Full PDB file with SEQRES, HELIX, SHEET, SSBOND, CRYST1, ORIGX, SCALE, CONECT and MASTER records, all heavy atoms in Angstrom:
SEQRES   1 A   42  GLN GLU ILE ALA GLY PRO GLU THR VAL LEU ALA ILE LEU          
SEQRES   2 A   42  TYR LEU MET HIS GLU ILE PRO GLN SER GLN THR THR PRO          
SEQRES   3 A   42  PHE ILE ARG THR THR GLU ARG GLU VAL SER LEU ARG ASP          
SEQRES   4 A   42  LYS LEU PHE                                                  
HELIX    1 AA1 PRO A    6  GLU A   18  1                                  13    
HELIX    2 AA2 GLN A   21  GLN A   23  5                                   3    
HELIX    3 AA3 PHE A   27  ARG A   29  5                                   3    
HELIX    4 AA4 LEU A   37  LEU A   41  1                                   5    
CRYST1    1.000    1.000    1.000  90.00  90.00  90.00 P 1           1          
ORIGX1      1.000000  0.000000  0.000000        0.00000                         
ORIGX2      0.000000  1.000000  0.000000        0.00000                         
ORIGX3      0.000000  0.000000  1.000000        0.00000                         
SCALE1      1.000000  0.000000  0.000000        0.00000                         
SCALE2      0.000000  1.000000  0.000000        0.00000                         
SCALE3      0.000000  0.000000  1.000000        0.00000                         
ATOM      1  N   GLN A   1       0.805  -1.230   0.004  1.00  0.00           N  
ATOM      2  CA  GLN A   1       0.042   0.014  -0.044  1.00  0.00           C  
ATOM      3  C   GLN A   1       0.832   1.293  -0.005  1.00  0.00           C  
ATOM      4  O   GLN A   1       0.344   2.365  -0.316  1.00  0.00           O  
ATOM      5  CB  GLN A   1      -0.976   0.014   1.161  1.00  0.00           C  
ATOM      6  CG  GLN A   1      -0.375  -0.080   2.507  1.00  0.00           C  
ATOM      7  CD  GLN A   1      -1.475  -0.335   3.627  1.00  0.00           C  
ATOM      8  OE1 GLN A   1      -2.583  -0.795   3.293  1.00  0.00           O  
ATOM      9  NE2 GLN A   1      -1.140  -0.009   4.861  1.00  0.00           N  
ATOM     10  N   GLU A   2       2.168   1.144   0.285  1.00  0.00           N  
ATOM     11  CA  GLU A   2       3.082   2.277   0.211  1.00  0.00           C  
ATOM     12  C   GLU A   2       3.162   2.808  -1.241  1.00  0.00           C  
ATOM     13  O   GLU A   2       3.419   3.983  -1.460  1.00  0.00           O  
ATOM     14  CB  GLU A   2       4.446   1.941   0.682  1.00  0.00           C  
ATOM     15  CG  GLU A   2       4.588   1.465   2.135  1.00  0.00           C  
ATOM     16  CD  GLU A   2       5.901   0.768   2.425  1.00  0.00           C  
ATOM     17  OE1 GLU A   2       6.818   0.700   1.564  1.00  0.00           O  
ATOM     18  OE2 GLU A   2       6.023   0.253   3.555  1.00  0.00           O  
ATOM     19  N   ILE A   3       2.993   1.891  -2.207  1.00  0.00           N  
ATOM     20  CA  ILE A   3       3.216   2.281  -3.574  1.00  0.00           C  
ATOM     21  C   ILE A   3       1.946   2.196  -4.395  1.00  0.00           C  
ATOM     22  O   ILE A   3       1.917   2.485  -5.617  1.00  0.00           O  
ATOM     23  CB  ILE A   3       4.306   1.403  -4.289  1.00  0.00           C  
ATOM     24  CG1 ILE A   3       3.993  -0.092  -4.109  1.00  0.00           C  
ATOM     25  CG2 ILE A   3       5.696   1.762  -3.739  1.00  0.00           C  
ATOM     26  CD1 ILE A   3       4.869  -0.952  -4.992  1.00  0.00           C  
ATOM     27  N   ALA A   4       0.843   1.761  -3.756  1.00  0.00           N  
ATOM     28  CA  ALA A   4      -0.425   1.594  -4.550  1.00  0.00           C  
ATOM     29  C   ALA A   4      -1.403   2.664  -4.171  1.00  0.00           C  
ATOM     30  O   ALA A   4      -1.537   3.044  -3.058  1.00  0.00           O  
ATOM     31  CB  ALA A   4      -1.018   0.212  -4.112  1.00  0.00           C  
ATOM     32  N   GLY A   5      -2.110   3.116  -5.232  1.00  0.00           N  
ATOM     33  CA  GLY A   5      -3.196   4.107  -4.924  1.00  0.00           C  
ATOM     34  C   GLY A   5      -4.406   3.434  -4.396  1.00  0.00           C  
ATOM     35  O   GLY A   5      -4.484   2.172  -4.297  1.00  0.00           O  
ATOM     36  N   PRO A   6      -5.382   4.250  -3.944  1.00  0.00           N  
ATOM     37  CA  PRO A   6      -6.607   3.658  -3.315  1.00  0.00           C  
ATOM     38  C   PRO A   6      -7.318   2.591  -4.221  1.00  0.00           C  
ATOM     39  O   PRO A   6      -7.823   1.582  -3.731  1.00  0.00           O  
ATOM     40  CB  PRO A   6      -7.499   4.860  -3.114  1.00  0.00           C  
ATOM     41  CG  PRO A   6      -6.654   6.085  -3.265  1.00  0.00           C  
ATOM     42  CD  PRO A   6      -5.440   5.670  -4.045  1.00  0.00           C  
ATOM     43  N   GLU A   7      -7.372   2.874  -5.544  1.00  0.00           N  
ATOM     44  CA  GLU A   7      -8.027   1.927  -6.454  1.00  0.00           C  
ATOM     45  C   GLU A   7      -7.344   0.646  -6.472  1.00  0.00           C  
ATOM     46  O   GLU A   7      -7.980  -0.451  -6.524  1.00  0.00           O  
ATOM     47  CB  GLU A   7      -8.063   2.551  -7.917  1.00  0.00           C  
ATOM     48  CG  GLU A   7      -9.182   3.543  -8.121  1.00  0.00           C  
ATOM     49  CD  GLU A   7      -9.247   4.007  -9.574  1.00  0.00           C  
ATOM     50  OE1 GLU A   7      -8.760   3.295 -10.440  1.00  0.00           O  
ATOM     51  OE2 GLU A   7      -9.761   5.083  -9.793  1.00  0.00           O  
ATOM     52  N   THR A   8      -5.999   0.641  -6.502  1.00  0.00           N  
ATOM     53  CA  THR A   8      -5.247  -0.617  -6.541  1.00  0.00           C  
ATOM     54  C   THR A   8      -5.424  -1.391  -5.247  1.00  0.00           C  
ATOM     55  O   THR A   8      -5.588  -2.585  -5.239  1.00  0.00           O  
ATOM     56  CB  THR A   8      -3.747  -0.307  -6.805  1.00  0.00           C  
ATOM     57  OG1 THR A   8      -3.641   0.532  -7.876  1.00  0.00           O  
ATOM     58  CG2 THR A   8      -2.933  -1.547  -7.004  1.00  0.00           C  
ATOM     59  N   VAL A   9      -5.411  -0.685  -4.087  1.00  0.00           N  
ATOM     60  CA  VAL A   9      -5.613  -1.325  -2.793  1.00  0.00           C  
ATOM     61  C   VAL A   9      -6.984  -2.045  -2.810  1.00  0.00           C  
ATOM     62  O   VAL A   9      -7.132  -3.167  -2.355  1.00  0.00           O  
ATOM     63  CB  VAL A   9      -5.563  -0.313  -1.620  1.00  0.00           C  
ATOM     64  CG1 VAL A   9      -5.916  -0.925  -0.349  1.00  0.00           C  
ATOM     65  CG2 VAL A   9      -4.066   0.202  -1.542  1.00  0.00           C  
ATOM     66  N   LEU A  10      -8.013  -1.371  -3.377  1.00  0.00           N  
ATOM     67  CA  LEU A  10      -9.343  -1.954  -3.429  1.00  0.00           C  
ATOM     68  C   LEU A  10      -9.349  -3.220  -4.332  1.00  0.00           C  
ATOM     69  O   LEU A  10      -9.987  -4.228  -4.005  1.00  0.00           O  
ATOM     70  CB  LEU A  10     -10.391  -0.966  -4.045  1.00  0.00           C  
ATOM     71  CG  LEU A  10     -10.912   0.115  -3.029  1.00  0.00           C  
ATOM     72  CD1 LEU A  10     -11.779   1.112  -3.786  1.00  0.00           C  
ATOM     73  CD2 LEU A  10     -11.701  -0.548  -1.917  1.00  0.00           C  
ATOM     74  N   ALA A  11      -8.571  -3.154  -5.414  1.00  0.00           N  
ATOM     75  CA  ALA A  11      -8.484  -4.321  -6.337  1.00  0.00           C  
ATOM     76  C   ALA A  11      -7.863  -5.481  -5.570  1.00  0.00           C  
ATOM     77  O   ALA A  11      -8.285  -6.645  -5.751  1.00  0.00           O  
ATOM     78  CB  ALA A  11      -7.632  -3.965  -7.575  1.00  0.00           C  
ATOM     79  N   ILE A  12      -6.806  -5.197  -4.780  1.00  0.00           N  
ATOM     80  CA  ILE A  12      -6.137  -6.243  -4.068  1.00  0.00           C  
ATOM     81  C   ILE A  12      -7.056  -6.844  -2.987  1.00  0.00           C  
ATOM     82  O   ILE A  12      -7.097  -8.049  -2.793  1.00  0.00           O  
ATOM     83  CB  ILE A  12      -4.818  -5.713  -3.440  1.00  0.00           C  
ATOM     84  CG1 ILE A  12      -3.771  -5.419  -4.567  1.00  0.00           C  
ATOM     85  CG2 ILE A  12      -4.202  -6.693  -2.394  1.00  0.00           C  
ATOM     86  CD1 ILE A  12      -2.599  -4.681  -4.158  1.00  0.00           C  
ATOM     87  N   LEU A  13      -7.798  -6.008  -2.245  1.00  0.00           N  
ATOM     88  CA  LEU A  13      -8.793  -6.459  -1.287  1.00  0.00           C  
ATOM     89  C   LEU A  13      -9.834  -7.398  -1.957  1.00  0.00           C  
ATOM     90  O   LEU A  13     -10.228  -8.413  -1.353  1.00  0.00           O  
ATOM     91  CB  LEU A  13      -9.409  -5.274  -0.557  1.00  0.00           C  
ATOM     92  CG  LEU A  13      -8.488  -4.480   0.371  1.00  0.00           C  
ATOM     93  CD1 LEU A  13      -9.182  -3.233   0.911  1.00  0.00           C  
ATOM     94  CD2 LEU A  13      -7.998  -5.381   1.556  1.00  0.00           C  
ATOM     95  N   TYR A  14     -10.221  -6.969  -3.176  1.00  0.00           N  
ATOM     96  CA  TYR A  14     -11.178  -7.779  -3.907  1.00  0.00           C  
ATOM     97  C   TYR A  14     -10.600  -9.179  -4.187  1.00  0.00           C  
ATOM     98  O   TYR A  14     -11.262 -10.194  -4.059  1.00  0.00           O  
ATOM     99  CB  TYR A  14     -11.570  -7.052  -5.181  1.00  0.00           C  
ATOM    100  CG  TYR A  14     -12.227  -7.909  -6.220  1.00  0.00           C  
ATOM    101  CD1 TYR A  14     -13.596  -8.206  -6.104  1.00  0.00           C  
ATOM    102  CD2 TYR A  14     -11.566  -8.429  -7.324  1.00  0.00           C  
ATOM    103  CE1 TYR A  14     -14.207  -9.051  -7.033  1.00  0.00           C  
ATOM    104  CE2 TYR A  14     -12.163  -9.179  -8.222  1.00  0.00           C  
ATOM    105  CZ  TYR A  14     -13.502  -9.522  -8.148  1.00  0.00           C  
ATOM    106  OH  TYR A  14     -14.121 -10.385  -9.017  1.00  0.00           O  
ATOM    107  N   LEU A  15      -9.354  -9.179  -4.671  1.00  0.00           N  
ATOM    108  CA  LEU A  15      -8.722 -10.480  -4.971  1.00  0.00           C  
ATOM    109  C   LEU A  15      -8.647 -11.367  -3.709  1.00  0.00           C  
ATOM    110  O   LEU A  15      -8.930 -12.549  -3.743  1.00  0.00           O  
ATOM    111  CB  LEU A  15      -7.269 -10.224  -5.402  1.00  0.00           C  
ATOM    112  CG  LEU A  15      -7.032  -9.802  -6.840  1.00  0.00           C  
ATOM    113  CD1 LEU A  15      -5.565  -9.547  -7.080  1.00  0.00           C  
ATOM    114  CD2 LEU A  15      -7.554 -10.877  -7.811  1.00  0.00           C  
ATOM    115  N   MET A  16      -8.279 -10.750  -2.573  1.00  0.00           N  
ATOM    116  CA  MET A  16      -8.177 -11.466  -1.326  1.00  0.00           C  
ATOM    117  C   MET A  16      -9.526 -12.078  -0.894  1.00  0.00           C  
ATOM    118  O   MET A  16      -9.622 -13.188  -0.340  1.00  0.00           O  
ATOM    119  CB  MET A  16      -7.563 -10.646  -0.226  1.00  0.00           C  
ATOM    120  CG  MET A  16      -6.140 -10.380  -0.437  1.00  0.00           C  
ATOM    121  SD  MET A  16      -5.476  -9.010   0.685  1.00  0.00           S  
ATOM    122  CE  MET A  16      -5.493  -9.790   2.222  1.00  0.00           C  
ATOM    123  N   HIS A  17     -10.556 -11.286  -1.206  1.00  0.00           N  
ATOM    124  CA  HIS A  17     -11.918 -11.787  -0.884  1.00  0.00           C  
ATOM    125  C   HIS A  17     -12.364 -12.891  -1.820  1.00  0.00           C  
ATOM    126  O   HIS A  17     -12.951 -13.884  -1.421  1.00  0.00           O  
ATOM    127  CB  HIS A  17     -12.892 -10.590  -0.986  1.00  0.00           C  
ATOM    128  CG  HIS A  17     -14.306 -10.950  -0.723  1.00  0.00           C  
ATOM    129  ND1 HIS A  17     -14.806 -11.301   0.529  1.00  0.00           N  
ATOM    130  CD2 HIS A  17     -15.406 -11.118  -1.592  1.00  0.00           C  
ATOM    131  CE1 HIS A  17     -16.116 -11.668   0.430  1.00  0.00           C  
ATOM    132  NE2 HIS A  17     -16.478 -11.529  -0.836  1.00  0.00           N  
ATOM    133  N   GLU A  18     -12.061 -12.718  -3.133  1.00  0.00           N  
ATOM    134  CA  GLU A  18     -12.415 -13.655  -4.138  1.00  0.00           C  
ATOM    135  C   GLU A  18     -11.679 -15.008  -3.996  1.00  0.00           C  
ATOM    136  O   GLU A  18     -12.220 -16.059  -4.293  1.00  0.00           O  
ATOM    137  CB  GLU A  18     -12.073 -13.128  -5.598  1.00  0.00           C  
ATOM    138  CG  GLU A  18     -13.068 -12.127  -6.146  1.00  0.00           C  
ATOM    139  CD  GLU A  18     -14.286 -12.892  -6.711  1.00  0.00           C  
ATOM    140  OE1 GLU A  18     -14.188 -13.515  -7.716  1.00  0.00           O  
ATOM    141  OE2 GLU A  18     -15.360 -12.791  -6.109  1.00  0.00           O  
ATOM    142  N   ILE A  19     -10.377 -14.887  -3.610  1.00  0.00           N  
ATOM    143  CA  ILE A  19      -9.551 -16.121  -3.517  1.00  0.00           C  
ATOM    144  C   ILE A  19      -9.007 -16.210  -2.034  1.00  0.00           C  
ATOM    145  O   ILE A  19      -7.889 -15.759  -1.780  1.00  0.00           O  
ATOM    146  CB  ILE A  19      -8.399 -16.076  -4.534  1.00  0.00           C  
ATOM    147  CG1 ILE A  19      -8.935 -15.793  -5.892  1.00  0.00           C  
ATOM    148  CG2 ILE A  19      -7.611 -17.432  -4.503  1.00  0.00           C  
ATOM    149  CD1 ILE A  19      -7.875 -15.426  -6.912  1.00  0.00           C  
ATOM    150  N   PRO A  20      -9.852 -16.754  -1.143  1.00  0.00           N  
ATOM    151  CA  PRO A  20      -9.298 -16.847   0.246  1.00  0.00           C  
ATOM    152  C   PRO A  20      -8.097 -17.819   0.249  1.00  0.00           C  
ATOM    153  O   PRO A  20      -7.888 -18.602  -0.660  1.00  0.00           O  
ATOM    154  CB  PRO A  20     -10.503 -17.482   0.983  1.00  0.00           C  
ATOM    155  CG  PRO A  20     -11.376 -18.009  -0.026  1.00  0.00           C  
ATOM    156  CD  PRO A  20     -11.143 -17.266  -1.303  1.00  0.00           C  
ATOM    157  N   GLN A  21      -7.301 -17.699   1.322  1.00  0.00           N  
ATOM    158  CA  GLN A  21      -6.033 -18.479   1.422  1.00  0.00           C  
ATOM    159  C   GLN A  21      -6.306 -19.992   1.148  1.00  0.00           C  
ATOM    160  O   GLN A  21      -5.470 -20.623   0.508  1.00  0.00           O  
ATOM    161  CB  GLN A  21      -5.470 -18.327   2.838  1.00  0.00           C  
ATOM    162  CG  GLN A  21      -4.036 -18.797   2.951  1.00  0.00           C  
ATOM    163  CD  GLN A  21      -3.138 -17.663   3.344  1.00  0.00           C  
ATOM    164  OE1 GLN A  21      -3.479 -16.724   4.070  1.00  0.00           O  
ATOM    165  NE2 GLN A  21      -1.882 -17.725   2.849  1.00  0.00           N  
ATOM    166  N   SER A  22      -7.429 -20.485   1.610  1.00  0.00           N  
ATOM    167  CA  SER A  22      -7.762 -21.918   1.444  1.00  0.00           C  
ATOM    168  C   SER A  22      -7.781 -22.311  -0.044  1.00  0.00           C  
ATOM    169  O   SER A  22      -7.696 -23.455  -0.417  1.00  0.00           O  
ATOM    170  CB  SER A  22      -9.056 -22.252   2.130  1.00  0.00           C  
ATOM    171  OG  SER A  22     -10.122 -21.483   1.610  1.00  0.00           O  
ATOM    172  N   GLN A  23      -8.083 -21.304  -0.951  1.00  0.00           N  
ATOM    173  CA  GLN A  23      -8.215 -21.641  -2.365  1.00  0.00           C  
ATOM    174  C   GLN A  23      -6.967 -21.285  -3.183  1.00  0.00           C  
ATOM    175  O   GLN A  23      -6.937 -21.467  -4.403  1.00  0.00           O  
ATOM    176  CB  GLN A  23      -9.457 -20.864  -2.966  1.00  0.00           C  
ATOM    177  CG  GLN A  23     -10.766 -21.504  -2.551  1.00  0.00           C  
ATOM    178  CD  GLN A  23     -11.895 -20.682  -3.061  1.00  0.00           C  
ATOM    179  OE1 GLN A  23     -11.774 -20.054  -4.150  1.00  0.00           O  
ATOM    180  NE2 GLN A  23     -13.025 -20.667  -2.347  1.00  0.00           N  
ATOM    181  N   THR A  24      -5.897 -20.880  -2.515  1.00  0.00           N  
ATOM    182  CA  THR A  24      -4.646 -20.584  -3.214  1.00  0.00           C  
ATOM    183  C   THR A  24      -3.901 -21.922  -3.422  1.00  0.00           C  
ATOM    184  O   THR A  24      -4.098 -22.858  -2.682  1.00  0.00           O  
ATOM    185  CB  THR A  24      -3.774 -19.589  -2.485  1.00  0.00           C  
ATOM    186  OG1 THR A  24      -3.410 -20.121  -1.216  1.00  0.00           O  
ATOM    187  CG2 THR A  24      -4.443 -18.247  -2.278  1.00  0.00           C  
ATOM    188  N   THR A  25      -3.108 -21.913  -4.433  1.00  0.00           N  
ATOM    189  CA  THR A  25      -2.261 -23.100  -4.720  1.00  0.00           C  
ATOM    190  C   THR A  25      -0.817 -22.677  -4.842  1.00  0.00           C  
ATOM    191  O   THR A  25      -0.302 -22.546  -6.003  1.00  0.00           O  
ATOM    192  CB  THR A  25      -2.757 -23.816  -6.044  1.00  0.00           C  
ATOM    193  OG1 THR A  25      -2.864 -22.868  -7.058  1.00  0.00           O  
ATOM    194  CG2 THR A  25      -4.055 -24.521  -5.822  1.00  0.00           C  
ATOM    195  N   PRO A  26      -0.112 -22.388  -3.753  1.00  0.00           N  
ATOM    196  CA  PRO A  26       1.233 -21.801  -3.818  1.00  0.00           C  
ATOM    197  C   PRO A  26       2.154 -22.656  -4.751  1.00  0.00           C  
ATOM    198  O   PRO A  26       2.173 -23.856  -4.649  1.00  0.00           O  
ATOM    199  CB  PRO A  26       1.716 -21.827  -2.376  1.00  0.00           C  
ATOM    200  CG  PRO A  26       0.438 -21.838  -1.585  1.00  0.00           C  
ATOM    201  CD  PRO A  26      -0.560 -22.575  -2.333  1.00  0.00           C  
ATOM    202  N   PHE A  27       2.860 -21.982  -5.560  1.00  0.00           N  
ATOM    203  CA  PHE A  27       3.719 -22.632  -6.570  1.00  0.00           C  
ATOM    204  C   PHE A  27       4.762 -23.499  -5.890  1.00  0.00           C  
ATOM    205  O   PHE A  27       5.164 -24.544  -6.388  1.00  0.00           O  
ATOM    206  CB  PHE A  27       4.401 -21.615  -7.512  1.00  0.00           C  
ATOM    207  CG  PHE A  27       5.206 -22.174  -8.632  1.00  0.00           C  
ATOM    208  CD1 PHE A  27       4.559 -22.760  -9.666  1.00  0.00           C  
ATOM    209  CD2 PHE A  27       6.610 -22.219  -8.581  1.00  0.00           C  
ATOM    210  CE1 PHE A  27       5.320 -23.332 -10.740  1.00  0.00           C  
ATOM    211  CE2 PHE A  27       7.354 -22.764  -9.628  1.00  0.00           C  
ATOM    212  CZ  PHE A  27       6.650 -23.312 -10.727  1.00  0.00           C  
ATOM    213  N   ILE A  28       5.255 -23.056  -4.721  1.00  0.00           N  
ATOM    214  CA  ILE A  28       6.278 -23.822  -3.996  1.00  0.00           C  
ATOM    215  C   ILE A  28       5.770 -25.232  -3.667  1.00  0.00           C  
ATOM    216  O   ILE A  28       6.527 -26.142  -3.421  1.00  0.00           O  
ATOM    217  CB  ILE A  28       6.743 -23.041  -2.723  1.00  0.00           C  
ATOM    218  CG1 ILE A  28       8.062 -23.600  -2.158  1.00  0.00           C  
ATOM    219  CG2 ILE A  28       5.654 -23.003  -1.673  1.00  0.00           C  
ATOM    220  CD1 ILE A  28       9.264 -23.367  -3.004  1.00  0.00           C  
ATOM    221  N   ARG A  29       4.470 -25.407  -3.610  1.00  0.00           N  
ATOM    222  CA  ARG A  29       3.896 -26.707  -3.290  1.00  0.00           C  
ATOM    223  C   ARG A  29       3.754 -27.653  -4.524  1.00  0.00           C  
ATOM    224  O   ARG A  29       3.259 -28.758  -4.389  1.00  0.00           O  
ATOM    225  CB  ARG A  29       2.508 -26.580  -2.598  1.00  0.00           C  
ATOM    226  CG  ARG A  29       2.662 -25.972  -1.203  1.00  0.00           C  
ATOM    227  CD  ARG A  29       1.383 -26.241  -0.360  1.00  0.00           C  
ATOM    228  NE  ARG A  29       1.267 -25.246   0.646  1.00  0.00           N  
ATOM    229  CZ  ARG A  29       0.078 -24.723   1.035  1.00  0.00           C  
ATOM    230  NH1 ARG A  29      -1.006 -25.072   0.427  1.00  0.00           N  
ATOM    231  NH2 ARG A  29       0.056 -23.812   2.022  1.00  0.00           N  
ATOM    232  N   THR A  30       4.118 -27.155  -5.668  1.00  0.00           N  
ATOM    233  CA  THR A  30       4.103 -27.986  -6.883  1.00  0.00           C  
ATOM    234  C   THR A  30       4.936 -29.241  -6.604  1.00  0.00           C  
ATOM    235  O   THR A  30       5.959 -29.161  -5.986  1.00  0.00           O  
ATOM    236  CB  THR A  30       4.655 -27.189  -8.071  1.00  0.00           C  
ATOM    237  OG1 THR A  30       4.047 -25.913  -8.167  1.00  0.00           O  
ATOM    238  CG2 THR A  30       4.516 -27.924  -9.380  1.00  0.00           C  
ATOM    239  N   THR A  31       4.507 -30.377  -7.083  1.00  0.00           N  
ATOM    240  CA  THR A  31       5.247 -31.631  -6.806  1.00  0.00           C  
ATOM    241  C   THR A  31       6.677 -31.591  -7.415  1.00  0.00           C  
ATOM    242  O   THR A  31       6.863 -30.966  -8.438  1.00  0.00           O  
ATOM    243  CB  THR A  31       4.516 -32.859  -7.328  1.00  0.00           C  
ATOM    244  OG1 THR A  31       4.462 -32.764  -8.758  1.00  0.00           O  
ATOM    245  CG2 THR A  31       3.078 -32.961  -6.820  1.00  0.00           C  
ATOM    246  N   GLU A  32       7.545 -32.326  -6.800  1.00  0.00           N  
ATOM    247  CA  GLU A  32       8.930 -32.399  -7.319  1.00  0.00           C  
ATOM    248  C   GLU A  32       8.946 -33.046  -8.687  1.00  0.00           C  
ATOM    249  O   GLU A  32       9.851 -32.770  -9.497  1.00  0.00           O  
ATOM    250  CB  GLU A  32       9.781 -33.333  -6.339  1.00  0.00           C  
ATOM    251  CG  GLU A  32      10.300 -32.631  -5.169  1.00  0.00           C  
ATOM    252  CD  GLU A  32      11.700 -31.987  -5.395  1.00  0.00           C  
ATOM    253  OE1 GLU A  32      12.484 -32.523  -6.178  1.00  0.00           O  
ATOM    254  OE2 GLU A  32      11.980 -30.998  -4.712  1.00  0.00           O  
ATOM    255  N   ARG A  33       7.961 -33.881  -8.971  1.00  0.00           N  
ATOM    256  CA  ARG A  33       7.910 -34.523 -10.288  1.00  0.00           C  
ATOM    257  C   ARG A  33       7.692 -33.510 -11.407  1.00  0.00           C  
ATOM    258  O   ARG A  33       8.154 -33.670 -12.455  1.00  0.00           O  
ATOM    259  CB  ARG A  33       6.762 -35.593 -10.263  1.00  0.00           C  
ATOM    260  CG  ARG A  33       6.769 -36.628 -11.390  1.00  0.00           C  
ATOM    261  CD  ARG A  33       5.790 -37.696 -11.055  1.00  0.00           C  
ATOM    262  NE  ARG A  33       4.462 -37.165 -10.854  1.00  0.00           N  
ATOM    263  CZ  ARG A  33       3.607 -36.764 -11.851  1.00  0.00           C  
ATOM    264  NH1 ARG A  33       3.991 -36.882 -13.084  1.00  0.00           N  
ATOM    265  NH2 ARG A  33       2.421 -36.284 -11.549  1.00  0.00           N  
ATOM    266  N   GLU A  34       6.880 -32.484 -11.042  1.00  0.00           N  
ATOM    267  CA  GLU A  34       6.612 -31.466 -12.047  1.00  0.00           C  
ATOM    268  C   GLU A  34       7.787 -30.424 -12.155  1.00  0.00           C  
ATOM    269  O   GLU A  34       8.241 -30.134 -13.203  1.00  0.00           O  
ATOM    270  CB  GLU A  34       5.354 -30.678 -11.621  1.00  0.00           C  
ATOM    271  CG  GLU A  34       4.065 -31.340 -12.044  1.00  0.00           C  
ATOM    272  CD  GLU A  34       2.904 -30.440 -11.733  1.00  0.00           C  
ATOM    273  OE1 GLU A  34       2.565 -29.536 -12.496  1.00  0.00           O  
ATOM    274  OE2 GLU A  34       2.290 -30.659 -10.660  1.00  0.00           O  
ATOM    275  N   VAL A  35       8.209 -29.910 -10.978  1.00  0.00           N  
ATOM    276  CA  VAL A  35       9.286 -28.873 -10.922  1.00  0.00           C  
ATOM    277  C   VAL A  35      10.156 -29.239  -9.755  1.00  0.00           C  
ATOM    278  O   VAL A  35       9.709 -29.396  -8.632  1.00  0.00           O  
ATOM    279  CB  VAL A  35       8.679 -27.481 -10.784  1.00  0.00           C  
ATOM    280  CG1 VAL A  35       9.751 -26.416 -10.808  1.00  0.00           C  
ATOM    281  CG2 VAL A  35       7.608 -27.185 -11.821  1.00  0.00           C  
ATOM    282  N   SER A  36      11.457 -29.276 -10.001  1.00  0.00           N  
ATOM    283  CA  SER A  36      12.451 -29.581  -8.910  1.00  0.00           C  
ATOM    284  C   SER A  36      12.440 -28.470  -7.874  1.00  0.00           C  
ATOM    285  O   SER A  36      12.164 -27.334  -8.137  1.00  0.00           O  
ATOM    286  CB  SER A  36      13.834 -29.746  -9.481  1.00  0.00           C  
ATOM    287  OG  SER A  36      14.393 -28.509  -9.809  1.00  0.00           O  
ATOM    288  N   LEU A  37      12.894 -28.826  -6.689  1.00  0.00           N  
ATOM    289  CA  LEU A  37      12.923 -27.874  -5.560  1.00  0.00           C  
ATOM    290  C   LEU A  37      13.874 -26.715  -5.927  1.00  0.00           C  
ATOM    291  O   LEU A  37      13.551 -25.548  -5.621  1.00  0.00           O  
ATOM    292  CB  LEU A  37      13.377 -28.572  -4.286  1.00  0.00           C  
ATOM    293  CG  LEU A  37      13.457 -27.673  -3.030  1.00  0.00           C  
ATOM    294  CD1 LEU A  37      12.114 -27.031  -2.707  1.00  0.00           C  
ATOM    295  CD2 LEU A  37      13.989 -28.412  -1.840  1.00  0.00           C  
ATOM    296  N   ARG A  38      15.004 -26.968  -6.547  1.00  0.00           N  
ATOM    297  CA  ARG A  38      15.959 -25.951  -6.895  1.00  0.00           C  
ATOM    298  C   ARG A  38      15.293 -24.924  -7.815  1.00  0.00           C  
ATOM    299  O   ARG A  38      15.427 -23.715  -7.685  1.00  0.00           O  
ATOM    300  CB  ARG A  38      17.185 -26.507  -7.610  1.00  0.00           C  
ATOM    301  CG  ARG A  38      18.165 -27.214  -6.670  1.00  0.00           C  
ATOM    302  CD  ARG A  38      19.186 -27.945  -7.483  1.00  0.00           C  
ATOM    303  NE  ARG A  38      20.189 -28.511  -6.592  1.00  0.00           N  
ATOM    304  CZ  ARG A  38      21.185 -29.359  -7.026  1.00  0.00           C  
ATOM    305  NH1 ARG A  38      21.151 -29.719  -8.304  1.00  0.00           N  
ATOM    306  NH2 ARG A  38      22.035 -29.823  -6.188  1.00  0.00           N  
ATOM    307  N   ASP A  39      14.551 -25.437  -8.805  1.00  0.00           N  
ATOM    308  CA  ASP A  39      13.861 -24.534  -9.716  1.00  0.00           C  
ATOM    309  C   ASP A  39      12.793 -23.737  -9.017  1.00  0.00           C  
ATOM    310  O   ASP A  39      12.588 -22.509  -9.286  1.00  0.00           O  
ATOM    311  CB  ASP A  39      13.237 -25.368 -10.893  1.00  0.00           C  
ATOM    312  CG  ASP A  39      14.274 -25.946 -11.825  1.00  0.00           C  
ATOM    313  OD1 ASP A  39      15.476 -25.594 -11.660  1.00  0.00           O  
ATOM    314  OD2 ASP A  39      13.901 -26.678 -12.747  1.00  0.00           O  
ATOM    315  N   LYS A  40      12.063 -24.386  -8.158  1.00  0.00           N  
ATOM    316  CA  LYS A  40      10.947 -23.700  -7.418  1.00  0.00           C  
ATOM    317  C   LYS A  40      11.534 -22.603  -6.557  1.00  0.00           C  
ATOM    318  O   LYS A  40      10.952 -21.445  -6.502  1.00  0.00           O  
ATOM    319  CB  LYS A  40      10.150 -24.701  -6.563  1.00  0.00           C  
ATOM    320  CG  LYS A  40       9.189 -25.538  -7.349  1.00  0.00           C  
ATOM    321  CD  LYS A  40       8.271 -26.369  -6.508  1.00  0.00           C  
ATOM    322  CE  LYS A  40       8.995 -27.535  -5.818  1.00  0.00           C  
ATOM    323  NZ  LYS A  40       8.088 -28.473  -5.153  1.00  0.00           N  
ATOM    324  N   LEU A  41      12.664 -22.812  -5.906  1.00  0.00           N  
ATOM    325  CA  LEU A  41      13.259 -21.824  -5.079  1.00  0.00           C  
ATOM    326  C   LEU A  41      13.746 -20.599  -5.924  1.00  0.00           C  
ATOM    327  O   LEU A  41      13.580 -19.427  -5.559  1.00  0.00           O  
ATOM    328  CB  LEU A  41      14.405 -22.376  -4.256  1.00  0.00           C  
ATOM    329  CG  LEU A  41      13.987 -23.413  -3.170  1.00  0.00           C  
ATOM    330  CD1 LEU A  41      15.243 -24.077  -2.526  1.00  0.00           C  
ATOM    331  CD2 LEU A  41      13.194 -22.705  -2.067  1.00  0.00           C  
ATOM    332  N   PHE A  42      14.382 -20.893  -7.080  1.00  0.00           N  
ATOM    333  CA  PHE A  42      14.810 -19.874  -7.936  1.00  0.00           C  
ATOM    334  C   PHE A  42      13.671 -19.020  -8.480  1.00  0.00           C  
ATOM    335  O   PHE A  42      13.680 -17.791  -8.451  1.00  0.00           O  
ATOM    336  CB  PHE A  42      15.640 -20.482  -9.096  1.00  0.00           C  
ATOM    337  CG  PHE A  42      16.242 -19.501 -10.086  1.00  0.00           C  
ATOM    338  CD1 PHE A  42      17.170 -18.606  -9.596  1.00  0.00           C  
ATOM    339  CD2 PHE A  42      15.941 -19.517 -11.413  1.00  0.00           C  
ATOM    340  CE1 PHE A  42      17.829 -17.676 -10.500  1.00  0.00           C  
ATOM    341  CE2 PHE A  42      16.538 -18.540 -12.308  1.00  0.00           C  
ATOM    342  CZ  PHE A  42      17.475 -17.728 -11.812  1.00  0.00           C  
TER     343      PHE A  42                                                      
MASTER        0    0    0    4    0    0    0    6  342    1    0    4          
END                                                                             
C-alpha cells in the first residue's frame, strides 16, 4: 500500500476476498515430479 493508490488497494482487497487463502495453490507446493525444488526456489 506504500506504492499503490486507493483503487489498486481496493483491487487487491477484492482479490483476497475472491480467493481466500484456502483456495490458493502456492507454486512452492508444486510436486517435485513437475518442478524440482531448486527450480521452485529460484
